[in-house]
C-alpha atoms as a PDB file:
ATOM      1  CA  UNK A   1      -5.483 -12.434  15.113  1.00  0.00           C
ATOM      2  CA  UNK A   2      -8.376 -10.019  16.277  1.00  0.00           C
ATOM      3  CA  UNK A   3      -9.341  -7.581  13.631  1.00  0.00           C
ATOM      4  CA  UNK A   4     -11.915  -4.676  14.880  1.00  0.00           C
ATOM      5  CA  UNK A   5     -13.829  -3.593  12.374  1.00  0.00           C
ATOM      6  CA  UNK A   6     -16.492  -0.478  12.149  1.00  0.00           C
ATOM      7  CA  UNK A   7     -19.943  -2.464  10.713  1.00  0.00           C
ATOM      8  CA  UNK A   8     -19.576   0.177   7.063  1.00  0.00           C
ATOM      9  CA  UNK A   9     -20.921  -2.001   3.334  1.00  0.00           C
ATOM     10  CA  UNK A  10     -18.186  -4.936   2.577  1.00  0.00           C
ATOM     11  CA  UNK A  11     -16.988  -3.448  -0.764  1.00  0.00           C
ATOM     12  CA  UNK A  12     -16.815   0.365   1.428  1.00  0.00           C
ATOM     13  CA  UNK A  13     -13.304   2.051   0.912  1.00  0.00           C
ATOM     14  CA  UNK A  14     -13.911   2.671   4.836  1.00  0.00           C
ATOM     15  CA  UNK A  15     -13.674  -0.933   5.304  1.00  0.00           C
ATOM     16  CA  UNK A  16     -10.923  -2.218   3.107  1.00  0.00           C
ATOM     17  CA  UNK A  17      -8.749   0.585   4.783  1.00  0.00           C
ATOM     18  CA  UNK A  18      -9.882  -0.378   8.426  1.00  0.00           C
ATOM     19  CA  UNK A  19      -9.139  -4.130   7.409  1.00  0.00           C
ATOM     20  CA  UNK A  20      -5.470  -3.501   5.825  1.00  0.00           C
ATOM     21  CA  UNK A  21      -4.695  -1.522   9.056  1.00  0.00           C
ATOM     22  CA  UNK A  22      -5.734  -4.016  11.323  1.00  0.00           C
ATOM     23  CA  UNK A  23      -3.979  -7.117   9.488  1.00  0.00           C
ATOM     24  CA  UNK A  24      -0.798  -4.577   8.886  1.00  0.00           C
ATOM     25  CA  UNK A  25      -1.111  -3.876  12.951  1.00  0.00           C
ATOM     26  CA  UNK A  26      -1.108  -7.896  13.450  1.00  0.00           C
ATOM     27  CA  UNK A  27       1.820  -8.151  11.040  1.00  0.00           C
ATOM     28  CA  UNK A  28       4.060  -5.823  12.877  1.00  0.00           C
ATOM     29  CA  UNK A  29       2.866  -7.671  16.583  1.00  0.00           C
ATOM     30  CA  UNK A  30       3.332 -11.003  15.209  1.00  0.00           C
ATOM     31  CA  UNK A  31       6.897 -10.324  13.058  1.00  0.00           C
ATOM     32  CA  UNK A  32       9.432  -9.679  16.299  1.00  0.00           C
ATOM     33  CA  UNK A  33      12.416 -10.032  14.134  1.00  0.00           C
ATOM     34  CA  UNK A  34      11.837  -8.744  10.361  1.00  0.00           C
ATOM     35  CA  UNK A  35      15.352  -9.387   9.651  1.00  0.00           C
ATOM     36  CA  UNK A  36      14.166 -13.171   9.475  1.00  0.00           C
ATOM     37  CA  UNK A  37      12.143 -12.061   6.538  1.00  0.00           C
ATOM     38  CA  UNK A  38      15.712 -11.185   4.411  1.00  0.00           C
ATOM     39  CA  UNK A  39      15.357 -12.519   1.080  1.00  0.00           C
ATOM     40  CA  UNK A  40      12.134 -14.773   1.428  1.00  0.00           C
ATOM     41  CA  UNK A  41      10.427 -15.092  -1.286  1.00  0.00           C
ATOM     42  CA  UNK A  42       6.671 -14.442  -1.439  1.00  0.00           C
ATOM     43  CA  UNK A  43       5.160 -17.803  -2.509  1.00  0.00           C
ATOM     44  CA  UNK A  44       3.534 -17.342  -5.538  1.00  0.00           C
ATOM     45  CA  UNK A  45       0.311 -19.388  -5.088  1.00  0.00           C
ATOM     46  CA  UNK A  46       2.450 -22.868  -5.484  1.00  0.00           C
ATOM     47  CA  UNK A  47       4.657 -21.667  -7.722  1.00  0.00           C
ATOM     48  CA  UNK A  48       8.303 -20.900  -7.696  1.00  0.00           C
ATOM     49  CA  UNK A  49       9.221 -17.180  -6.712  1.00  0.00           C
ATOM     50  CA  UNK A  50       9.867 -14.645  -9.357  1.00  0.00           C
ATOM     51  CA  UNK A  51      13.565 -13.236 -10.799  1.00  0.00           C
ATOM     52  CA  UNK A  52      14.061 -10.375  -8.917  1.00  0.00           C
ATOM     53  CA  UNK A  53      11.058  -9.710  -6.928  1.00  0.00           C
ATOM     54  CA  UNK A  54      10.975  -7.628  -3.583  1.00  0.00           C
ATOM     55  CA  UNK A  55      11.925 -10.233  -0.027  1.00  0.00           C
ATOM     56  CA  UNK A  56       8.793 -10.597   2.481  1.00  0.00           C
ATOM     57  CA  UNK A  57      11.454  -7.996   4.538  1.00  0.00           C
ATOM     58  CA  UNK A  58      10.837  -5.207   1.436  1.00  0.00           C
ATOM     59  CA  UNK A  59       6.875  -6.507   1.650  1.00  0.00           C
ATOM     60  CA  UNK A  60       6.882  -6.206   5.409  1.00  0.00           C
ATOM     61  CA  UNK A  61       8.324  -1.969   5.329  1.00  0.00           C
ATOM     62  CA  UNK A  62       6.257  -1.326   2.391  1.00  0.00           C
ATOM     63  CA  UNK A  63       3.358  -2.620   4.260  1.00  0.00           C
ATOM     64  CA  UNK A  64       4.382  -0.469   7.162  1.00  0.00           C
ATOM     65  CA  UNK A  65       5.244   3.137   5.351  1.00  0.00           C
ATOM     66  CA  UNK A  66       1.653   2.709   3.354  1.00  0.00           C
ATOM     67  CA  UNK A  67      -0.476   1.906   6.800  1.00  0.00           C
ATOM     68  CA  UNK A  68       1.275   5.043   8.156  1.00  0.00           C
ATOM     69  CA  UNK A  69      -0.202   7.127   4.973  1.00  0.00           C
ATOM     70  CA  UNK A  70      -3.612   5.621   4.768  1.00  0.00           C
ATOM     71  CA  UNK A  71      -4.050   6.480   8.961  1.00  0.00           C
ATOM     72  CA  UNK A  72      -2.413   9.409   8.628  1.00  0.00           C
ATOM     73  CA  UNK A  73      -3.129  11.120   5.127  1.00  0.00           C
ATOM     74  CA  UNK A  74      -0.048  12.016   2.529  1.00  0.00           C
ATOM     75  CA  UNK A  75       2.335  14.774   2.953  1.00  0.00           C
ATOM     76  CA  UNK A  76       1.279  17.958   1.322  1.00  0.00           C
ATOM     77  CA  UNK A  77       1.996  17.694  -2.824  1.00  0.00           C
ATOM     78  CA  UNK A  78       4.893  20.045  -2.245  1.00  0.00           C
ATOM     79  CA  UNK A  79       6.816  18.750   0.665  1.00  0.00           C
ATOM     80  CA  UNK A  80       6.494  15.713  -1.267  1.00  0.00           C
ATOM     81  CA  UNK A  81       8.076  16.573  -4.231  1.00  0.00           C
ATOM     82  CA  UNK A  82      10.805  18.458  -2.474  1.00  0.00           C
ATOM     83  CA  UNK A  83      11.876  15.699  -0.574  1.00  0.00           C
ATOM     84  CA  UNK A  84      11.542  13.199  -3.654  1.00  0.00           C
ATOM     85  CA  UNK A  85      13.469  15.468  -6.108  1.00  0.00           C
ATOM     86  CA  UNK A  86      15.515  18.011  -4.374  1.00  0.00           C
ATOM     87  CA  UNK A  87      13.306  20.981  -5.215  1.00  0.00           C
ATOM     88  CA  UNK A  88      14.684  23.041  -8.452  1.00  0.00           C
ATOM     89  CA  UNK A  89      13.740  25.737 -11.283  1.00  0.00           C
ATOM     90  CA  UNK A  90      12.850  23.503 -14.048  1.00  0.00           C
ATOM     91  CA  UNK A  91      10.172  21.594 -11.389  1.00  0.00           C
ATOM     92  CA  UNK A  92       8.283  24.635 -11.102  1.00  0.00           C
ATOM     93  CA  UNK A  93       8.235  24.744 -15.093  1.00  0.00           C
ATOM     94  CA  UNK A  94       7.210  21.279 -15.530  1.00  0.00           C
ATOM     95  CA  UNK A  95       4.486  21.300 -13.041  1.00  0.00           C
ATOM     96  CA  UNK A  96       2.943  24.270 -14.675  1.00  0.00           C
ATOM     97  CA  UNK A  97       3.089  22.620 -17.685  1.00  0.00           C
ATOM     98  CA  UNK A  98       1.799  19.149 -16.030  1.00  0.00           C
ATOM     99  CA  UNK A  99      -0.991  21.297 -14.357  1.00  0.00           C
ATOM    100  CA  UNK A 100      -2.418  23.426 -17.499  1.00  0.00           C
ATOM    101  CA  UNK A 101      -1.944  19.692 -19.364  1.00  0.00           C
ATOM    102  CA  UNK A 102      -3.835  18.306 -16.482  1.00  0.00           C
ATOM    103  CA  UNK A 103      -6.833  20.901 -16.581  1.00  0.00           C
ATOM    104  CA  UNK A 104      -7.911  19.637 -19.904  1.00  0.00           C
ATOM    105  CA  UNK A 105      -7.950  16.617 -19.389  1.00  0.00           C
ATOM    106  CA  UNK A 106     -10.285  16.684 -16.249  1.00  0.00           C
ATOM    107  CA  UNK A 107     -12.426  19.456 -18.796  1.00  0.00           C
ATOM    108  CA  UNK A 108     -12.347  16.472 -20.786  1.00  0.00           C
ATOM    109  CA  UNK A 109     -13.327  13.329 -18.939  1.00  0.00           C
ATOM    110  CA  UNK A 110     -16.677  12.681 -17.062  1.00  0.00           C
ATOM    111  CA  UNK A 111     -15.712  12.862 -13.389  1.00  0.00           C
ATOM    112  CA  UNK A 112     -18.464  10.760 -12.507  1.00  0.00           C
ATOM    113  CA  UNK A 113     -15.942   7.514 -14.357  1.00  0.00           C
ATOM    114  CA  UNK A 114     -13.138   8.906 -13.182  1.00  0.00           C
ATOM    115  CA  UNK A 115     -13.953   8.716  -9.754  1.00  0.00           C
ATOM    116  CA  UNK A 116     -15.031   5.290 -10.386  1.00  0.00           C
ATOM    117  CA  UNK A 117     -11.845   4.353 -11.487  1.00  0.00           C
ATOM    118  CA  UNK A 118      -9.896   5.214  -8.963  1.00  0.00           C
ATOM    119  CA  UNK A 119     -11.976   4.185  -6.836  1.00  0.00           C
ATOM    120  CA  UNK A 120     -11.911   1.035  -7.459  1.00  0.00           C
ATOM    121  CA  UNK A 121      -7.628   1.247  -8.209  1.00  0.00           C
ATOM    122  CA  UNK A 122      -7.789   1.713  -4.466  1.00  0.00           C
ATOM    123  CA  UNK A 123     -10.168  -0.760  -3.292  1.00  0.00           C
ATOM    124  CA  UNK A 124      -8.238  -3.062  -5.051  1.00  0.00           C
ATOM    125  CA  UNK A 125      -4.805  -2.104  -4.697  1.00  0.00           C
ATOM    126  CA  UNK A 126      -6.073  -2.742  -0.657  1.00  0.00           C
ATOM    127  CA  UNK A 127      -6.916  -5.496  -1.102  1.00  0.00           C
ATOM    128  CA  UNK A 128      -3.737  -6.912  -2.529  1.00  0.00           C
ATOM    129  CA  UNK A 129      -1.828  -5.318  -0.348  1.00  0.00           C
ATOM    130  CA  UNK A 130      -4.042  -6.976   2.458  1.00  0.00           C
ATOM    131  CA  UNK A 131      -3.302 -10.552   1.261  1.00  0.00           C
ATOM    132  CA  UNK A 132       0.457  -9.292   1.410  1.00  0.00           C
ATOM    133  CA  UNK A 133       0.819  -8.543   4.962  1.00  0.00           C
ATOM    134  CA  UNK A 134      -1.876 -12.148   5.542  1.00  0.00           C
ATOM    135  CA  UNK A 135       0.575 -13.887   3.512  1.00  0.00           C
ATOM    136  CA  UNK A 136       4.484 -12.409   5.805  1.00  0.00           C
ATOM    137  CA  UNK A 137       2.348 -13.112   8.920  1.00  0.00           C
ATOM    138  CA  UNK A 138       1.808 -16.195   7.545  1.00  0.00           C
ATOM    139  CA  UNK A 139       5.576 -16.908   6.644  1.00  0.00           C
ATOM    140  CA  UNK A 140       6.985 -15.372   9.566  1.00  0.00           C
ATOM    141  CA  UNK A 141       4.971 -17.750  11.860  1.00  0.00           C
ATOM    142  CA  UNK A 142       6.098 -20.765   9.810  1.00  0.00           C
ATOM    143  CA  UNK A 143       9.936 -19.650   9.975  1.00  0.00           C
ATOM    144  CA  UNK A 144       9.374 -19.469  13.940  1.00  0.00           C
ATOM    145  CA  UNK A 145       7.261 -22.557  14.677  1.00  0.00           C
ATOM    146  CA  UNK A 146       4.336 -20.589  15.953  1.00  0.00           C
ATOM    147  CA  UNK A 147       0.927 -21.689  16.091  1.00  0.00           C
ATOM    148  CA  UNK A 148      -1.407 -19.922  13.606  1.00  0.00           C
END
């Protein structure tokens, strides 16, 4: 696997995003037949898989979709809400109430602490997703008998 990374500090969010993108791109290149991953459960570090856990195929499709969001950005908020909920008058009223409550909460919170919380959460999530992408790739290679 060849991972191209620009020289950013190790814990820089850009480094984590670049690594995630590169690992998922490698996963897409290695996994030629994603259907082989159906009904395959991720390994839980030597333990049996949890009941109801998503299959590796579900992880594969989720990781690809998240990669698109990481590289190209999210849909504008209103477009995403219309696509998810189908629109409606009650939705506009709920959104207005949530906006007012959100502004009060934001005014009370320390913005630097809030930024740090979201930044560290995003860093953790992207790192976890990178590990999952590597696991999907490794498991597919084991299934197909490909050399590492």
